Amino acid sequence: MYEIYETEAFILKSQNLAENNKRSLIFSKDFGLIWVESAGSRKEVSKFRPFLQDFSHLKIFLVRGKNKFRVTGGDLISNVFFDLDKNKKEKIVVLKNFFNLVEKVLIKEHKDNYIFNLILALVDELKKNDNFKKIELIFIVRLLLHLGYFSEDFLKERKKDFSQKIENIELDENEIKRFVREINQQLKKIAF
C-alpha cells in the first residue's frame, strides 16, 4: 500500500499523454519541482480536471510509485489565470517566464520554502500591481540571488535593496535595461 502525501503546489505546465492522461510539472511546498501524472484527467467527467490546469495553485494528493508521482486527488485554491484583471496576457507571460526559469535552474525533488514563498509573492503582486516589467525583474533577481547566480555587489553598487516591498523599489527604464543585461549575462553562465 502506498502512502498518500498532501502538499500545496503550483502547476507550472502540463503535457498530454495517451488515453486522456496528463503529466504536469509542479512546484510543491514539500517536494520542490516534480512531474506528476494523472490518469484520465483530460476526460470531461474527470475529478482532476477542475484543479489540474496550468497556473493553478492547489492542494494536491500524491502517491509515490517506483519511478513517478501519481495524483490521487486535490482541491483548487485558485487559478491565477482567472484571478488576473488588467494586462492578463502580459502578466501570464511574466508567470510563464518565471516558471520556465524555475524549471531550468532548480534540481528536481529539492524542497525549497523560499522559492515556494517567492512564487506565492509573485502571484500576489501580479494580481494587484500593473507594473509587470518591474515585478518580473525583481522576482527574477530575487530567485537568482537566492540560488547564487546573481551578484549582491551589483545591487549594492546601484544602491538597490530588492528585499524591500515592491512599491519601495524605484527603477527607471535605464536601470531596468541594465538589470536585464546583467541577468542575461548571469544566465549565460548557467549550463542549460
Protein backbone atom coordinates (compact mmCIF):
# COMPACT_ATOMS: atom_id res chain seq x y z
CA MET A 1 0.00 0.00 0.00
CA TYR A 2 1.31 3.42 -0.97
CA GLU A 3 1.46 6.37 1.40
CA ILE A 4 -0.63 9.38 0.29
CA TYR A 5 1.12 12.74 0.52
CA GLU A 6 -0.73 16.04 0.78
CA THR A 7 1.07 19.19 -0.32
CA GLU A 8 0.40 22.69 -1.59
CA ALA A 9 1.63 23.31 -5.13
CA PHE A 10 1.58 25.39 -8.31
CA ILE A 11 1.17 23.81 -11.73
CA LEU A 12 3.91 25.25 -13.93
CA LYS A 13 2.98 23.45 -17.15
CA SER A 14 1.31 20.29 -18.46
CA GLN A 15 1.70 17.76 -21.24
CA ASN A 16 -0.94 15.49 -22.68
CA LEU A 17 -0.26 11.76 -22.59
CA ALA A 18 -2.06 8.93 -24.35
CA GLU A 19 -5.58 7.89 -23.38
CA ASN A 20 -6.69 11.12 -21.71
CA ASN A 21 -3.81 11.16 -19.23
CA LYS A 22 -1.81 14.20 -18.31
CA ARG A 23 1.67 14.90 -16.99
CA SER A 24 2.16 18.13 -15.02
CA LEU A 25 5.26 19.88 -13.76
CA ILE A 26 4.52 21.26 -10.32
CA PHE A 27 6.44 23.15 -7.70
CA SER A 28 5.26 21.80 -4.38
CA LYS A 29 5.88 23.01 -0.87
CA ASP A 30 7.08 19.59 0.32
CA PHE A 31 8.82 18.06 -2.72
CA GLY A 32 10.00 21.05 -4.75
CA LEU A 33 9.97 20.64 -8.52
CA ILE A 34 8.42 17.33 -9.62
CA TRP A 35 6.50 15.79 -12.50
CA VAL A 36 3.17 14.19 -11.58
CA GLU A 37 0.89 12.01 -13.70
CA SER A 38 -2.89 11.86 -13.58
CA ALA A 39 -4.88 9.10 -15.22
CA GLY A 40 -7.95 10.16 -17.21
CA SER A 41 -7.60 13.81 -16.20
CA ARG A 42 -8.40 15.12 -19.69
CA LYS A 43 -11.85 13.50 -19.74
CA GLU A 44 -14.84 15.83 -19.35
CA VAL A 45 -16.01 13.97 -16.24
CA SER A 46 -12.60 13.66 -14.57
CA LYS A 47 -12.45 14.60 -10.89
CA PHE A 48 -8.96 16.02 -11.60
CA ARG A 49 -10.00 18.37 -14.39
CA PRO A 50 -11.14 21.33 -12.21
CA PHE A 51 -7.82 21.69 -10.39
CA LEU A 52 -5.18 20.28 -12.79
CA GLN A 53 -4.92 23.36 -15.02
CA ASP A 54 -1.78 25.34 -15.77
CA PHE A 55 -1.23 28.24 -13.34
CA SER A 56 -3.37 26.58 -10.66
CA HIS A 57 -2.48 26.95 -7.01
CA LEU A 58 -3.81 23.87 -5.30
CA LYS A 59 -3.71 21.36 -2.52
CA ILE A 60 -2.75 18.09 -4.17
CA PHE A 61 -2.73 14.47 -3.00
CA LEU A 62 0.02 12.25 -4.40
CA VAL A 63 1.33 8.73 -4.17
CA ARG A 64 4.93 8.00 -4.96
CA GLY A 65 5.48 4.95 -7.13
CA LYS A 66 8.74 3.38 -8.18
CA ASN A 67 9.55 5.96 -10.83
CA LYS A 68 6.93 8.69 -10.56
CA PHE A 69 4.34 10.56 -8.56
CA ARG A 70 0.66 9.96 -9.32
CA VAL A 71 -2.19 12.33 -8.48
CA THR A 72 -4.94 10.82 -6.34
CA GLY A 73 -6.93 13.99 -5.66
CA GLY A 74 -6.79 17.66 -4.88
CA ASP A 75 -8.55 20.93 -4.25
CA LEU A 76 -8.17 24.16 -6.18
CA ILE A 77 -7.04 27.11 -4.08
CA SER A 78 -7.03 29.49 -7.04
CA ASN A 79 -6.28 29.66 -10.74
CA VAL A 80 -4.01 32.63 -11.37
CA PHE A 81 -5.21 32.99 -14.96
CA PHE A 82 -8.76 33.72 -13.83
CA ASP A 83 -7.66 35.89 -10.89
CA LEU A 84 -5.83 38.44 -13.05
CA ASP A 85 -7.69 41.54 -14.17
CA LYS A 86 -5.91 44.09 -16.34
CA ASN A 87 -2.97 43.16 -18.58
CA LYS A 88 -3.79 39.46 -18.20
CA LYS A 89 -1.88 38.40 -21.32
CA GLU A 90 1.31 40.25 -20.31
CA LYS A 91 1.13 39.01 -16.72
CA ILE A 92 0.70 35.39 -17.86
CA VAL A 93 3.84 35.83 -19.97
CA VAL A 94 5.67 37.04 -16.84
CA LEU A 95 4.45 33.98 -14.95
CA LYS A 96 5.42 31.60 -17.79
CA ASN A 97 8.89 33.16 -17.99
CA PHE A 98 9.38 32.81 -14.25
CA PHE A 99 8.12 29.21 -14.24
CA ASN A 100 10.42 28.35 -17.18
CA LEU A 101 13.37 29.80 -15.29
CA VAL A 102 12.42 27.83 -12.17
CA GLU A 103 12.32 24.66 -14.26
CA LYS A 104 15.75 25.36 -15.78
CA VAL A 105 17.69 26.38 -12.66
CA LEU A 106 16.30 24.05 -9.99
CA ILE A 107 17.16 20.50 -9.12
CA LYS A 108 14.18 18.14 -9.24
CA GLU A 109 12.78 16.92 -5.91
CA HIS A 110 14.56 19.53 -3.82
CA LYS A 111 12.32 21.21 -1.26
CA ASP A 112 12.83 24.99 -1.05
CA ASN A 113 10.36 27.00 1.03
CA TYR A 114 11.94 30.31 -0.03
CA ILE A 115 11.15 29.61 -3.70
CA PHE A 116 7.64 28.40 -2.89
CA ASN A 117 7.01 31.63 -0.96
CA LEU A 118 8.60 33.60 -3.80
CA ILE A 119 6.06 32.12 -6.24
CA LEU A 120 3.23 32.97 -3.83
CA ALA A 121 4.50 36.56 -3.57
CA LEU A 122 4.91 36.87 -7.37
CA VAL A 123 1.34 35.71 -7.94
CA ASP A 124 0.09 38.14 -5.29
CA GLU A 125 1.98 41.05 -6.88
CA LEU A 126 0.69 40.23 -10.36
CA LYS A 127 -2.88 40.26 -9.05
CA LYS A 128 -2.60 43.75 -7.54
CA ASN A 129 0.13 45.56 -9.49
CA ASP A 130 0.16 46.51 -13.17
CA ASN A 131 3.88 47.29 -13.43
CA PHE A 132 4.58 43.75 -14.65
CA LYS A 133 8.04 44.56 -16.16
CA LYS A 134 9.31 45.77 -12.80
CA ILE A 135 7.71 42.83 -10.99
CA GLU A 136 9.27 40.30 -13.38
CA LEU A 137 12.72 41.85 -12.99
CA ILE A 138 12.60 41.99 -9.20
CA PHE A 139 11.38 38.41 -8.79
CA ILE A 140 13.93 37.01 -11.25
CA VAL A 141 16.71 38.83 -9.37
CA ARG A 142 15.37 37.50 -6.06
CA LEU A 143 15.35 33.95 -7.42
CA LEU A 144 18.85 34.22 -8.89
CA LEU A 145 20.21 35.85 -5.71
CA HIS A 146 18.79 33.01 -3.62
CA LEU A 147 20.42 30.43 -5.88
CA GLY A 148 23.76 32.27 -6.01
CA TYR A 149 23.51 33.17 -9.71
CA PHE A 150 23.33 36.95 -9.22
CA SER A 151 25.86 39.20 -7.50
CA GLU A 152 24.76 41.17 -4.45
CA ASP A 153 27.58 43.59 -5.31
CA PHE A 154 25.68 44.58 -8.47
CA LEU A 155 22.75 45.65 -6.25
CA LYS A 156 24.98 47.41 -3.71
CA GLU A 157 26.80 49.37 -6.44
CA ARG A 158 23.43 50.67 -7.60
CA LYS A 159 22.18 51.24 -4.03
CA LYS A 160 19.25 48.88 -4.54
CA ASP A 161 17.68 46.61 -1.95
CA PHE A 162 15.41 44.06 -3.63
CA SER A 163 14.29 42.58 -0.31
CA GLN A 164 12.02 45.60 0.25
CA LYS A 165 8.37 45.80 -0.71
CA ILE A 166 7.89 46.20 -4.47
CA GLU A 167 6.41 49.68 -4.14
CA ASN A 168 9.54 50.86 -2.26
CA ILE A 169 11.93 49.77 -5.04
CA GLU A 170 12.43 52.52 -7.60
CA LEU A 171 13.63 51.59 -11.06
CA ASP A 172 13.65 53.77 -14.16
CA GLU A 173 13.77 52.42 -17.72
CA ASN A 174 17.58 52.69 -17.94
CA GLU A 175 18.04 50.81 -14.68
CA ILE A 176 15.67 48.09 -15.86
CA LYS A 177 17.73 47.72 -19.06
CA ARG A 178 20.97 47.46 -17.03
CA PHE A 179 19.45 44.80 -14.79
CA VAL A 180 18.13 42.84 -17.78
CA ARG A 181 21.63 42.87 -19.33
CA GLU A 182 23.14 41.64 -16.05
CA ILE A 183 20.50 38.91 -15.67
CA ASN A 184 21.17 37.73 -19.24
CA GLN A 185 24.93 37.66 -18.60
CA GLN A 186 24.44 35.61 -15.45
CA LEU A 187 22.06 33.20 -17.17
CA LYS A 188 24.60 32.61 -19.98
CA LYS A 189 26.96 31.22 -17.33
CA ILE A 190 24.44 28.59 -16.30
CA ALA A 191 24.65 25.47 -18.42
CA PHE A 192 21.07 24.70 -19.50
